[in-house]
Amino acid sequence: MLSVKNIAKKLPDGRPLLKDISFEVKKGEFVGIIGESGVGKTVLLRCINGLTIPDTGEIIISSNNTHQKINGKKGKELRSLQRYIGMIFQGSNLVKRLSVIENVLTGRLGRINPLRSLFYGFTDEEVDTALNALEKVSIQHLAARRAETLSGGEMQRVAIARALFQEPQILLADEPIANLDPKNTELVLEHLLPLKKEMAIMGVFHSPQIVRDYCTRAIALKDGVVFYDGRPDISSSILEQIYGNEFAVQPVSVA
């Protein structure tokens, strides 16, 4: 479904951030990406969805026995491939003045005629599909509310629904529980977890214990490469190598 092959990316000052990153992710997996602050976790996600262009390497999306490279694509061709990749940003990235249902409907703007998208002209079928996406995260009752009136946890669940409305094959989540209290953290994760039955999920998380509790696989970045790729229940000795001085202050589980 997703193949990342030998990805490298330098910082603007020329220092290498990602040096040689390779892995594959398939439907049914919930992969937690961990590592020290500044190691390049978010940059890696942005490379995968085409928002950042890697210096070298390939990112290949596979669908219906076809394999297409996303990096290097531009304009309409890039947007066409991005339809397969849903993205949940840190802080939800909602349009606060719009209603919940309108925010969800914007998740498919790349799939419809630009004139329709300009005037938010959505069909009854599209609205029903958007409501179904909201139902999956248990907030369909908030469909008419303005996004600015929601709590942080509710906003993140709208962001998940917006990504689901896009009907992706891969869902990327960049620190989806950052700044949430324990109750909302658990709610967001509990709604993400069953989605792996429909797609592949990759999420950046600060807490290795969250990855252990919710993910099916962990990938750790260190010094620009994949330092660990395997079971999410990582031993303390390996975690200490991954995090170095940050290991002693890692967040604990929400349980």
Protein backbone atom coordinates (compact mmCIF):
# COMPACT_ATOMS: atom_id res chain seq x y z
CA MET A 1 0.00 0.00 0.00
CA LEU A 2 2.78 2.44 0.97
CA SER A 3 6.47 2.00 0.21
CA VAL A 4 9.06 4.49 1.45
CA LYS A 5 12.41 3.86 -0.21
CA ASN A 6 15.68 5.52 0.80
CA ILE A 7 14.17 8.91 1.64
CA ALA A 8 16.60 11.71 2.50
CA LYS A 9 15.91 15.34 3.38
CA LYS A 10 18.24 18.17 4.40
CA LEU A 11 17.39 21.16 6.56
CA PRO A 12 17.50 24.63 4.94
CA ASP A 13 21.01 25.15 6.35
CA GLY A 14 22.24 22.00 4.62
CA ARG A 15 22.36 19.70 7.63
CA PRO A 16 20.92 16.21 6.98
CA LEU A 17 17.65 15.48 8.81
CA LEU A 18 16.47 12.27 7.15
CA LYS A 19 19.34 10.27 5.68
CA ASP A 20 18.08 6.90 4.47
CA ILE A 21 14.52 6.02 5.49
CA SER A 22 12.87 2.85 4.13
CA PHE A 23 9.81 0.86 5.22
CA GLU A 24 6.45 -0.44 3.98
CA VAL A 25 3.00 -0.09 5.54
CA LYS A 26 -0.06 -2.19 4.70
CA LYS A 27 -3.80 -2.05 5.35
CA GLY A 28 -4.63 -3.22 8.86
CA GLU A 29 -1.56 -1.64 10.47
CA PHE A 30 -1.55 1.22 12.96
CA VAL A 31 2.06 2.40 12.96
CA GLY A 32 3.34 4.72 15.67
CA ILE A 33 6.34 6.88 14.73
CA ILE A 34 8.49 7.88 17.68
CA GLY A 35 11.86 9.48 18.34
CA GLU A 36 13.53 12.46 19.97
CA SER A 37 12.22 15.97 19.34
CA GLY A 38 13.50 17.36 16.05
CA VAL A 39 14.40 13.97 14.59
CA GLY A 40 12.17 14.51 11.53
CA LYS A 41 8.95 12.65 12.34
CA THR A 42 6.62 15.37 11.02
CA VAL A 43 8.85 16.02 8.00
CA LEU A 44 8.59 12.33 7.15
CA LEU A 45 4.77 12.49 7.17
CA ARG A 46 4.86 15.63 5.02
CA CYS A 47 7.09 13.84 2.53
CA ILE A 48 4.65 10.94 2.38
CA ASN A 49 1.63 13.15 1.60
CA GLY A 50 3.49 15.34 -0.87
CA LEU A 51 3.57 18.55 1.19
CA THR A 52 7.36 18.34 1.40
CA ILE A 53 9.62 17.12 -1.39
CA PRO A 54 12.40 14.73 -0.29
CA ASP A 55 15.87 15.35 -1.70
CA THR A 56 16.27 11.73 -2.76
CA GLY A 57 14.34 8.47 -2.60
CA GLU A 58 10.84 7.37 -3.57
CA ILE A 59 7.41 7.24 -1.96
CA ILE A 60 5.12 4.82 -3.78
CA ILE A 61 1.37 4.46 -3.31
CA SER A 62 -0.10 1.14 -4.43
CA SER A 63 -3.79 0.79 -5.31
CA ASN A 64 -5.65 -1.79 -7.40
CA ASN A 65 -2.40 -3.37 -8.59
CA THR A 66 -1.04 -0.01 -9.76
CA HIS A 67 2.05 1.62 -8.24
CA GLN A 68 2.55 5.37 -8.46
CA LYS A 69 5.35 7.56 -7.12
CA ILE A 70 4.03 10.59 -5.25
CA ASN A 71 7.24 12.59 -4.87
CA GLY A 72 8.09 14.61 -7.92
CA LYS A 73 4.43 15.08 -8.86
CA LYS A 74 2.90 18.56 -9.08
CA GLY A 75 -0.45 20.25 -9.60
CA LYS A 76 -3.38 18.11 -10.70
CA GLU A 77 -1.27 14.94 -10.82
CA LEU A 78 -0.17 15.41 -7.20
CA ARG A 79 -3.70 16.21 -6.01
CA SER A 80 -4.96 13.07 -7.71
CA LEU A 81 -2.55 10.93 -5.68
CA GLN A 82 -3.19 12.85 -2.46
CA ARG A 83 -6.79 11.62 -2.60
CA TYR A 84 -5.48 8.30 -1.32
CA ILE A 85 -3.83 9.91 1.71
CA GLY A 86 -5.85 11.44 4.55
CA MET A 87 -4.10 13.82 6.94
CA ILE A 88 -4.91 14.79 10.51
CA PHE A 89 -2.84 17.79 11.59
CA GLN A 90 -1.77 18.76 15.07
CA GLY A 91 -4.39 21.20 16.32
CA SER A 92 -7.09 19.90 13.90
CA ASN A 93 -6.62 22.69 11.31
CA LEU A 94 -10.37 23.36 11.00
CA VAL A 95 -11.99 26.44 9.46
CA LYS A 96 -13.43 27.91 12.66
CA ARG A 97 -16.16 30.01 10.99
CA LEU A 98 -17.65 26.99 9.20
CA SER A 99 -19.97 24.43 10.71
CA VAL A 100 -18.82 20.93 11.60
CA ILE A 101 -20.51 19.39 8.55
CA GLU A 102 -19.00 22.03 6.24
CA ASN A 103 -15.53 21.30 7.63
CA VAL A 104 -16.01 17.61 6.93
CA LEU A 105 -17.23 18.29 3.40
CA THR A 106 -14.06 20.26 2.61
CA GLY A 107 -12.18 16.98 2.92
CA ARG A 108 -13.24 16.07 -0.61
CA LEU A 109 -12.71 19.40 -2.36
CA GLY A 110 -9.94 17.89 -4.47
CA ARG A 111 -12.37 15.34 -5.89
CA ILE A 112 -15.11 17.66 -7.14
CA ASN A 113 -15.45 20.34 -9.80
CA PRO A 114 -13.69 23.59 -8.74
CA LEU A 115 -16.82 25.66 -9.42
CA ARG A 116 -18.82 23.46 -7.05
CA SER A 117 -16.13 23.64 -4.38
CA LEU A 118 -16.00 27.43 -4.68
CA PHE A 119 -19.63 27.71 -3.58
CA TYR A 120 -19.64 24.61 -1.29
CA GLY A 121 -22.14 22.98 -3.61
CA PHE A 122 -22.36 19.44 -2.27
CA THR A 123 -24.91 16.79 -3.21
CA ASP A 124 -27.31 15.11 -0.80
CA GLU A 125 -25.29 11.91 -1.17
CA GLU A 126 -22.09 13.71 -0.19
CA VAL A 127 -23.78 15.24 2.84
CA ASP A 128 -25.07 11.79 3.90
CA THR A 129 -21.54 10.39 3.54
CA ALA A 130 -20.14 13.24 5.63
CA LEU A 131 -22.73 12.60 8.33
CA ASN A 132 -21.75 8.93 8.30
CA ALA A 133 -18.12 9.96 8.84
CA LEU A 134 -19.20 12.07 11.82
CA GLU A 135 -21.16 9.10 13.17
CA LYS A 136 -18.00 6.99 13.10
CA VAL A 137 -16.41 9.39 15.58
CA SER A 138 -19.64 9.80 17.59
CA ILE A 139 -20.24 13.51 16.99
CA GLN A 140 -22.94 13.52 14.32
CA HIS A 141 -25.11 15.48 16.78
CA LEU A 142 -22.69 18.42 16.44
CA ALA A 143 -23.01 18.66 12.64
CA ALA A 144 -24.64 22.10 12.67
CA ARG A 145 -22.35 23.65 15.30
CA ARG A 146 -19.69 26.17 14.31
CA ALA A 147 -16.24 24.69 14.69
CA GLU A 148 -15.09 27.53 16.92
CA THR A 149 -17.52 26.40 19.65
CA LEU A 150 -16.02 22.92 20.00
CA SER A 151 -13.58 21.57 22.56
CA GLY A 152 -10.10 20.48 21.48
CA GLY A 153 -11.06 16.82 21.54
CA GLU A 154 -14.20 17.46 19.50
CA MET A 155 -12.17 19.41 16.93
CA GLN A 156 -9.78 16.50 16.51
CA ARG A 157 -12.66 14.11 15.99
CA VAL A 158 -14.04 16.44 13.30
CA ALA A 159 -10.58 16.34 11.71
CA ILE A 160 -10.73 12.53 11.70
CA ALA A 161 -14.20 12.63 10.12
CA ARG A 162 -12.94 15.06 7.46
CA ALA A 163 -10.11 12.67 6.60
CA LEU A 164 -12.53 9.72 6.50
CA PHE A 165 -14.86 11.60 4.15
CA GLN A 166 -11.93 11.76 1.73
CA GLU A 167 -12.07 7.92 1.63
CA PRO A 168 -8.29 7.46 1.92
CA GLN A 169 -6.30 4.27 1.83
CA ILE A 170 -3.66 5.69 4.15
CA LEU A 171 -4.37 7.93 7.14
CA LEU A 172 -1.53 10.09 8.50
CA ALA A 173 -1.87 11.68 11.94
CA ASP A 174 0.68 14.27 13.07
CA GLU A 175 0.57 14.33 16.87
CA PRO A 176 -3.25 14.00 16.89
CA ILE A 177 -3.45 14.03 20.71
CA ALA A 178 -1.08 16.93 21.39
CA ASN A 179 -2.46 19.33 24.03
CA LEU A 180 -5.47 17.13 24.79
CA ASP A 181 -6.42 16.13 28.32
CA PRO A 182 -6.36 12.40 29.21
CA LYS A 183 -10.10 11.91 28.62
CA ASN A 184 -10.05 13.45 25.13
CA THR A 185 -6.77 11.71 24.33
CA GLU A 186 -8.41 8.36 25.01
CA LEU A 187 -11.52 9.29 23.01
CA VAL A 188 -9.50 10.29 19.94
CA LEU A 189 -7.35 7.17 20.07
CA GLU A 190 -10.34 4.88 20.60
CA HIS A 191 -11.90 6.32 17.44
CA LEU A 192 -8.70 5.97 15.44
CA LEU A 193 -8.05 2.37 16.46
CA PRO A 194 -10.87 0.59 14.54
CA LEU A 195 -10.09 2.50 11.34
CA LYS A 196 -7.14 0.21 10.67
CA LYS A 197 -9.67 -2.35 9.40
CA GLU A 198 -10.35 -0.03 6.45
CA MET A 199 -6.93 1.50 5.81
CA ALA A 200 -3.33 1.83 6.94
CA ILE A 201 -2.70 4.37 9.72
CA MET A 202 0.55 6.13 10.60
CA GLY A 203 0.75 8.50 13.55
CA VAL A 204 3.46 10.59 15.19
CA PHE A 205 3.35 10.26 18.97
CA HIS A 206 5.51 11.60 21.78
CA SER A 207 4.65 8.82 24.21
CA PRO A 208 6.02 5.31 23.56
CA GLN A 209 3.46 4.02 26.05
CA ILE A 210 0.63 5.35 23.87
CA VAL A 211 2.20 3.49 20.95
CA ARG A 212 2.41 0.33 23.03
CA ASP A 213 -1.24 0.61 24.12
CA TYR A 214 -2.82 1.46 20.76
CA CYS A 215 -0.53 0.71 17.81
CA THR A 216 0.23 -2.56 16.06
CA ARG A 217 3.78 -1.55 15.13
CA ALA A 218 6.40 1.03 16.09
CA ILE A 219 8.97 2.79 13.94
CA ALA A 220 11.64 4.83 15.72
CA LEU A 221 13.82 7.41 13.98
CA LYS A 222 17.28 8.25 15.23
CA ASP A 223 20.20 10.03 13.57
CA GLY A 224 18.29 10.23 10.29
CA VAL A 225 17.58 6.51 9.88
CA VAL A 226 15.08 3.89 11.04
CA PHE A 227 16.62 2.78 14.34
CA TYR A 228 13.78 0.39 15.28
CA ASP A 229 10.91 -1.20 13.34
CA GLY A 230 8.88 -3.85 15.11
CA ARG A 231 6.52 -4.66 17.95
CA PRO A 232 5.07 -1.66 19.81
CA ASP A 233 6.00 -3.02 23.25
CA ILE A 234 9.58 -1.74 23.09
CA SER A 235 11.92 -2.62 25.95
CA SER A 236 13.21 0.09 28.28
CA SER A 237 16.79 -0.47 27.16
CA ILE A 238 15.92 0.16 23.49
CA LEU A 239 13.73 3.16 24.40
CA GLU A 240 16.66 4.65 26.30
CA GLN A 241 18.78 4.33 23.15
CA ILE A 242 16.03 5.91 21.03
CA TYR A 243 15.37 8.89 23.30
CA GLY A 244 18.68 9.48 25.04
CA ASN A 245 18.29 12.28 27.58
CA GLU A 246 14.57 12.59 26.79
CA PHE A 247 13.83 9.05 28.00
CA ALA A 248 13.33 9.98 31.66
CA VAL A 249 10.57 12.49 30.84
CA GLN A 250 8.45 10.50 28.38
CA PRO A 251 4.67 10.90 28.95
CA VAL A 252 2.87 8.02 30.60
CA SER A 253 -0.21 6.15 29.42
CA VAL A 254 -3.68 7.74 29.51
CA ALA A 255 -5.06 4.66 31.26
